[in-house]
């Protein structure tokens, strides 16, 4: 009887550890999926999103990827620290999307903020 109780306890412990491991894997997978979904959302912009992004770029730099104003650089006048030394057009686009979606949720929201504050 003592051996069967010990065996049952070991099985329960093993199941609990297995469940914890599977749960941790699922949480990590879900976090990665949400990041992927954010990036995909940034790539598949609506017409309004594309228009708002273009509008901000024109107000900030006239659409010039090489524009500079103090510590701000590029088409979207991002702080140079955000670009991590990579001033390429591709990185500026990616970094601007990450910044805007993280801070405002959309380019349309960023434009509305810009209209009120004259910066985003």
N, C-alpha and C. Protein backbone atom coordinates (compact mmCIF):
# COMPACT_ATOMS: atom_id res chain seq x y z
N UNK A 1 0.81 -1.20 0.00
CA UNK A 1 0.00 0.00 0.00
C UNK A 1 0.86 1.26 0.00
N UNK A 2 1.93 1.23 0.80
CA UNK A 2 2.82 2.39 0.90
C UNK A 2 3.47 2.69 -0.46
N UNK A 3 3.86 1.65 -1.19
CA UNK A 3 4.47 1.83 -2.51
C UNK A 3 3.49 2.41 -3.52
N UNK A 4 2.23 2.02 -3.45
CA UNK A 4 1.24 2.54 -4.40
C UNK A 4 0.95 4.01 -4.13
N UNK A 5 0.92 4.42 -2.85
CA UNK A 5 0.73 5.84 -2.52
C UNK A 5 1.90 6.67 -3.04
N UNK A 6 3.10 6.14 -2.88
CA UNK A 6 4.29 6.82 -3.36
C UNK A 6 4.27 6.94 -4.88
N UNK A 7 3.84 5.88 -5.55
CA UNK A 7 3.76 5.88 -7.00
C UNK A 7 2.72 6.88 -7.49
N UNK A 8 1.58 6.92 -6.83
CA UNK A 8 0.52 7.86 -7.20
C UNK A 8 1.00 9.30 -7.00
N UNK A 9 1.67 9.57 -5.90
CA UNK A 9 2.21 10.90 -5.63
C UNK A 9 3.21 11.30 -6.71
N UNK A 10 4.09 10.38 -7.11
CA UNK A 10 5.06 10.66 -8.17
C UNK A 10 4.37 10.95 -9.49
N UNK A 11 3.31 10.19 -9.81
CA UNK A 11 2.57 10.41 -11.04
C UNK A 11 1.88 11.77 -11.06
N UNK A 12 1.28 12.12 -9.93
CA UNK A 12 0.62 13.42 -9.83
C UNK A 12 1.63 14.55 -9.99
N UNK A 13 2.78 14.42 -9.35
CA UNK A 13 3.83 15.42 -9.46
C UNK A 13 4.32 15.54 -10.90
N UNK A 14 4.52 14.40 -11.56
CA UNK A 14 4.96 14.40 -12.95
C UNK A 14 3.93 15.06 -13.86
N UNK A 15 2.66 14.78 -13.64
CA UNK A 15 1.60 15.40 -14.44
C UNK A 15 1.55 16.91 -14.22
N UNK A 16 1.69 17.32 -12.96
CA UNK A 16 1.67 18.76 -12.65
C UNK A 16 2.84 19.47 -13.33
N UNK A 17 4.02 18.88 -13.29
CA UNK A 17 5.18 19.48 -13.94
C UNK A 17 4.99 19.53 -15.46
N UNK A 18 4.44 18.47 -16.02
CA UNK A 18 4.18 18.43 -17.46
C UNK A 18 3.20 19.52 -17.85
N UNK A 19 2.14 19.67 -17.07
CA UNK A 19 1.15 20.70 -17.34
C UNK A 19 1.77 22.09 -17.28
N UNK A 20 2.61 22.33 -16.29
CA UNK A 20 3.28 23.63 -16.15
C UNK A 20 4.16 23.91 -17.36
N UNK A 21 4.88 22.90 -17.82
CA UNK A 21 5.76 23.06 -18.97
C UNK A 21 4.95 23.37 -20.23
N UNK A 22 3.87 22.66 -20.45
CA UNK A 22 3.03 22.89 -21.63
C UNK A 22 2.42 24.28 -21.57
N UNK A 23 1.98 24.71 -20.40
CA UNK A 23 1.40 26.04 -20.23
C UNK A 23 2.44 27.12 -20.55
N UNK A 24 3.66 26.94 -20.06
CA UNK A 24 4.73 27.91 -20.34
C UNK A 24 5.01 27.98 -21.84
N UNK A 25 5.03 26.85 -22.51
CA UNK A 25 5.25 26.83 -23.96
C UNK A 25 4.13 27.57 -24.67
N UNK A 26 2.88 27.34 -24.27
CA UNK A 26 1.74 28.00 -24.90
C UNK A 26 1.79 29.51 -24.69
N UNK A 27 2.17 29.95 -23.51
CA UNK A 27 2.27 31.39 -23.24
C UNK A 27 3.33 32.00 -24.14
N UNK A 28 4.50 31.37 -24.25
CA UNK A 28 5.57 31.88 -25.10
C UNK A 28 5.13 31.92 -26.56
N UNK A 29 4.44 30.87 -27.01
CA UNK A 29 3.96 30.83 -28.39
C UNK A 29 2.97 31.96 -28.64
N UNK A 30 2.06 32.19 -27.69
CA UNK A 30 1.08 33.26 -27.85
C UNK A 30 1.76 34.62 -27.90
N UNK A 31 2.79 34.84 -27.08
CA UNK A 31 3.52 36.11 -27.12
C UNK A 31 4.18 36.32 -28.47
N UNK A 32 4.79 35.27 -29.02
CA UNK A 32 5.41 35.38 -30.33
C UNK A 32 4.37 35.65 -31.40
N UNK A 33 3.20 35.02 -31.30
CA UNK A 33 2.14 35.24 -32.28
C UNK A 33 1.64 36.67 -32.24
N UNK A 34 1.53 37.28 -31.05
CA UNK A 34 1.05 38.65 -30.97
C UNK A 34 2.05 39.60 -31.59
N UNK A 35 3.35 39.35 -31.42
CA UNK A 35 4.36 40.17 -32.08
C UNK A 35 4.27 40.01 -33.58
N UNK A 36 4.10 38.78 -34.03
CA UNK A 36 3.98 38.52 -35.46
C UNK A 36 2.75 39.20 -36.02
N UNK A 37 1.64 39.16 -35.29
CA UNK A 37 0.42 39.79 -35.76
C UNK A 37 0.60 41.30 -35.86
N UNK A 38 1.32 41.91 -34.91
CA UNK A 38 1.57 43.34 -34.96
C UNK A 38 2.38 43.70 -36.19
N UNK A 39 3.42 42.91 -36.48
CA UNK A 39 4.24 43.16 -37.66
C UNK A 39 3.41 42.97 -38.92
N UNK A 40 2.58 41.92 -38.97
CA UNK A 40 1.75 41.69 -40.14
C UNK A 40 0.75 42.82 -40.31
N UNK A 41 0.19 43.32 -39.22
CA UNK A 41 -0.74 44.44 -39.31
C UNK A 41 -0.05 45.67 -39.87
N UNK A 42 1.22 45.85 -39.50
CA UNK A 42 1.97 46.99 -40.01
C UNK A 42 2.20 46.86 -41.51
N UNK A 43 2.36 45.64 -42.01
CA UNK A 43 2.59 45.42 -43.44
C UNK A 43 1.32 45.57 -44.26
N UNK A 44 0.17 45.24 -43.68
CA UNK A 44 -1.10 45.26 -44.40
C UNK A 44 -1.91 46.45 -43.95
N UNK A 45 -1.50 47.63 -44.34
CA UNK A 45 -2.18 48.84 -43.91
C UNK A 45 -3.39 49.14 -44.80
N UNK A 46 -4.41 49.67 -44.17
CA UNK A 46 -5.57 50.12 -44.93
C UNK A 46 -5.20 51.38 -45.70
N UNK A 47 -6.09 51.78 -46.56
CA UNK A 47 -5.86 53.01 -47.33
C UNK A 47 -5.71 54.22 -46.39
N UNK A 48 -6.53 54.26 -45.35
CA UNK A 48 -6.45 55.37 -44.38
C UNK A 48 -5.12 55.35 -43.63
N UNK A 49 -4.65 54.16 -43.28
CA UNK A 49 -3.36 54.03 -42.59
C UNK A 49 -2.22 54.52 -43.49
N UNK A 50 -2.22 54.08 -44.73
CA UNK A 50 -1.17 54.50 -45.67
C UNK A 50 -1.20 56.00 -45.89
N UNK A 51 -2.40 56.56 -45.99
CA UNK A 51 -2.54 58.01 -46.19
C UNK A 51 -2.03 58.78 -44.97
N UNK A 52 -2.36 58.30 -43.77
CA UNK A 52 -1.90 58.98 -42.54
C UNK A 52 -0.38 58.89 -42.41
N UNK A 53 0.18 57.75 -42.75
CA UNK A 53 1.64 57.58 -42.68
C UNK A 53 2.32 58.53 -43.65
N UNK A 54 1.80 58.60 -44.87
CA UNK A 54 2.36 59.49 -45.89
C UNK A 54 2.22 60.95 -45.44
N UNK A 55 1.08 61.30 -44.85
CA UNK A 55 0.82 62.66 -44.39
C UNK A 55 1.85 63.06 -43.33
N UNK A 56 2.09 62.17 -42.36
CA UNK A 56 3.07 62.46 -41.31
C UNK A 56 4.46 62.62 -41.92
N UNK A 57 4.85 61.74 -42.81
CA UNK A 57 6.18 61.83 -43.44
C UNK A 57 6.35 63.17 -44.15
N UNK A 58 5.32 63.63 -44.82
CA UNK A 58 5.42 64.91 -45.53
C UNK A 58 5.54 66.08 -44.55
N UNK A 59 4.86 66.02 -43.44
CA UNK A 59 4.94 67.11 -42.45
C UNK A 59 6.28 67.09 -41.72
N UNK A 60 6.79 65.90 -41.47
CA UNK A 60 8.02 65.78 -40.69
C UNK A 60 9.28 66.08 -41.50
N UNK A 61 9.33 65.61 -42.76
CA UNK A 61 10.58 65.72 -43.51
C UNK A 61 10.39 66.04 -44.99
N UNK A 62 9.16 66.24 -45.40
CA UNK A 62 8.90 66.39 -46.83
C UNK A 62 9.11 65.07 -47.57
N UNK A 63 9.10 63.97 -46.83
CA UNK A 63 9.30 62.64 -47.42
C UNK A 63 10.76 62.28 -47.65
N UNK A 64 11.68 63.03 -47.07
CA UNK A 64 13.11 62.85 -47.29
C UNK A 64 13.71 61.90 -46.24
N UNK A 65 14.22 60.76 -46.70
CA UNK A 65 14.84 59.78 -45.80
C UNK A 65 16.13 60.30 -45.17
N UNK A 66 16.70 61.38 -45.69
CA UNK A 66 17.98 61.88 -45.20
C UNK A 66 17.84 63.19 -44.41
N UNK A 67 16.62 63.62 -44.15
CA UNK A 67 16.40 64.86 -43.40
C UNK A 67 16.92 64.73 -41.98
N UNK A 68 17.44 65.82 -41.47
CA UNK A 68 17.97 65.80 -40.10
C UNK A 68 17.55 67.08 -39.38
N UNK A 69 17.15 66.93 -38.13
CA UNK A 69 16.77 68.07 -37.31
C UNK A 69 17.19 67.73 -35.88
N UNK A 70 18.35 68.20 -35.48
CA UNK A 70 18.87 67.88 -34.15
C UNK A 70 19.12 66.39 -34.02
N UNK A 71 18.48 65.76 -33.03
CA UNK A 71 18.66 64.32 -32.82
C UNK A 71 17.65 63.49 -33.61
N UNK A 72 16.84 64.13 -34.41
CA UNK A 72 15.84 63.42 -35.22
C UNK A 72 16.35 63.25 -36.64
N UNK A 73 16.04 62.10 -37.23
CA UNK A 73 16.60 61.77 -38.54
C UNK A 73 15.57 61.05 -39.39
N UNK A 74 15.63 61.33 -40.69
CA UNK A 74 14.91 60.54 -41.67
C UNK A 74 13.52 61.00 -42.01
N UNK A 75 12.86 60.18 -42.78
CA UNK A 75 11.55 60.47 -43.32
C UNK A 75 10.51 60.74 -42.23
N UNK A 76 10.61 60.04 -41.11
CA UNK A 76 9.63 60.18 -40.03
C UNK A 76 10.19 60.95 -38.83
N UNK A 77 11.39 61.50 -39.01
CA UNK A 77 12.06 62.27 -37.96
C UNK A 77 12.06 61.53 -36.63
N UNK A 78 12.58 60.31 -36.69
CA UNK A 78 12.72 59.48 -35.51
C UNK A 78 13.97 59.86 -34.74
N UNK A 79 13.93 59.74 -33.44
CA UNK A 79 15.13 59.95 -32.65
C UNK A 79 16.19 58.95 -33.13
N UNK A 80 17.41 59.42 -33.36
CA UNK A 80 18.44 58.54 -33.91
C UNK A 80 18.70 57.32 -33.03
N UNK A 81 18.43 57.44 -31.74
CA UNK A 81 18.62 56.29 -30.84
C UNK A 81 17.68 55.13 -31.22
N UNK A 82 16.50 55.45 -31.75
CA UNK A 82 15.56 54.39 -32.14
C UNK A 82 16.08 53.59 -33.33
N UNK A 83 16.91 54.21 -34.15
CA UNK A 83 17.38 53.56 -35.38
C UNK A 83 18.60 52.67 -35.14
N UNK A 84 19.20 52.75 -33.98
CA UNK A 84 20.33 51.89 -33.60
C UNK A 84 21.46 51.90 -34.63
N UNK A 85 21.74 53.06 -35.18
CA UNK A 85 22.85 53.18 -36.13
C UNK A 85 22.53 52.72 -37.54
N UNK A 86 21.34 52.22 -37.78
CA UNK A 86 20.95 51.74 -39.12
C UNK A 86 19.97 52.76 -39.71
N UNK A 87 20.46 53.60 -40.61
CA UNK A 87 19.65 54.67 -41.18
C UNK A 87 19.01 54.30 -42.51
N UNK A 88 19.02 53.03 -42.85
CA UNK A 88 18.47 52.58 -44.14
C UNK A 88 16.97 52.88 -44.21
N UNK A 89 16.49 52.99 -45.44
CA UNK A 89 15.06 53.24 -45.65
C UNK A 89 14.22 52.13 -45.02
N UNK A 90 14.65 50.89 -45.22
CA UNK A 90 13.92 49.75 -44.68
C UNK A 90 13.82 49.82 -43.16
N UNK A 91 14.92 50.14 -42.50
CA UNK A 91 14.91 50.24 -41.04
C UNK A 91 14.07 51.43 -40.57
N UNK A 92 14.11 52.53 -41.30
CA UNK A 92 13.28 53.69 -40.93
C UNK A 92 11.80 53.33 -41.00
N UNK A 93 11.41 52.62 -42.05
CA UNK A 93 10.01 52.20 -42.20
C UNK A 93 9.60 51.27 -41.07
N UNK A 94 10.43 50.26 -40.82
CA UNK A 94 10.14 49.27 -39.78
C UNK A 94 10.10 49.93 -38.40
N UNK A 95 11.06 50.80 -38.13
CA UNK A 95 11.12 51.46 -36.82
C UNK A 95 9.96 52.42 -36.63
N UNK A 96 9.60 53.14 -37.68
CA UNK A 96 8.45 54.05 -37.59
C UNK A 96 7.16 53.28 -37.31
N UNK A 97 6.98 52.16 -38.00
CA UNK A 97 5.79 51.33 -37.76
C UNK A 97 5.77 50.81 -36.32
N UNK A 98 6.90 50.32 -35.86
CA UNK A 98 6.99 49.80 -34.49
C UNK A 98 6.67 50.90 -33.48
N UNK A 99 7.24 52.07 -33.68
CA UNK A 99 7.00 53.21 -32.79
C UNK A 99 5.53 53.60 -32.78
N UNK A 100 4.97 53.80 -33.97
CA UNK A 100 3.59 54.28 -34.06
C UNK A 100 2.59 53.25 -33.52
N UNK A 101 2.74 51.99 -33.93
CA UNK A 101 1.80 50.98 -33.45
C UNK A 101 1.94 50.76 -31.95
N UNK A 102 3.16 50.89 -31.43
CA UNK A 102 3.36 50.74 -30.00
C UNK A 102 2.82 51.91 -29.19
N UNK A 103 2.98 53.11 -29.70
CA UNK A 103 2.58 54.30 -28.95
C UNK A 103 1.12 54.71 -29.20
N UNK A 104 0.68 54.65 -30.46
CA UNK A 104 -0.64 55.16 -30.82
C UNK A 104 -1.64 54.09 -31.26
N UNK A 105 -1.14 52.93 -31.64
CA UNK A 105 -2.04 51.87 -32.09
C UNK A 105 -2.30 51.89 -33.58
N UNK A 106 -2.13 53.05 -34.21
CA UNK A 106 -2.33 53.16 -35.65
C UNK A 106 -1.73 54.48 -36.15
N UNK A 107 -1.51 54.53 -37.45
CA UNK A 107 -1.02 55.76 -38.06
C UNK A 107 -2.12 56.83 -38.03
N UNK A 108 -3.36 56.42 -38.15
CA UNK A 108 -4.47 57.38 -38.10
C UNK A 108 -4.49 58.07 -36.73
N UNK A 109 -4.32 57.29 -35.67
CA UNK A 109 -4.27 57.87 -34.32
C UNK A 109 -3.06 58.79 -34.16
N UNK A 110 -1.93 58.39 -34.75
CA UNK A 110 -0.72 59.23 -34.69
C UNK A 110 -0.96 60.55 -35.40
N UNK A 111 -1.63 60.50 -36.55
CA UNK A 111 -1.93 61.74 -37.29
C UNK A 111 -2.84 62.64 -36.46
N UNK A 112 -3.85 62.07 -35.83
CA UNK A 112 -4.75 62.87 -35.00
C UNK A 112 -3.99 63.52 -33.84
N UNK A 113 -3.07 62.79 -33.25
CA UNK A 113 -2.22 63.37 -32.19
C UNK A 113 -1.39 64.50 -32.78
N UNK A 114 -0.81 64.29 -33.96
CA UNK A 114 0.03 65.30 -34.61
C UNK A 114 -0.78 66.58 -34.84
N UNK A 115 -2.02 66.41 -35.30
CA UNK A 115 -2.86 67.60 -35.58
C UNK A 115 -3.09 68.44 -34.33
N UNK A 116 -3.13 67.80 -33.19
CA UNK A 116 -3.34 68.53 -31.92
C UNK A 116 -2.04 69.11 -31.37
N UNK A 117 -0.93 68.36 -31.49
CA UNK A 117 0.30 68.75 -30.82
C UNK A 117 1.42 69.20 -31.76
N UNK A 118 1.28 68.98 -33.06
CA UNK A 118 2.28 69.31 -34.07
C UNK A 118 3.57 68.50 -33.92
N UNK A 119 3.44 67.33 -33.36
CA UNK A 119 4.50 66.32 -33.30
C UNK A 119 3.81 65.00 -32.98
N UNK A 120 4.53 63.91 -33.14
CA UNK A 120 3.93 62.61 -32.82
C UNK A 120 4.93 61.76 -32.09
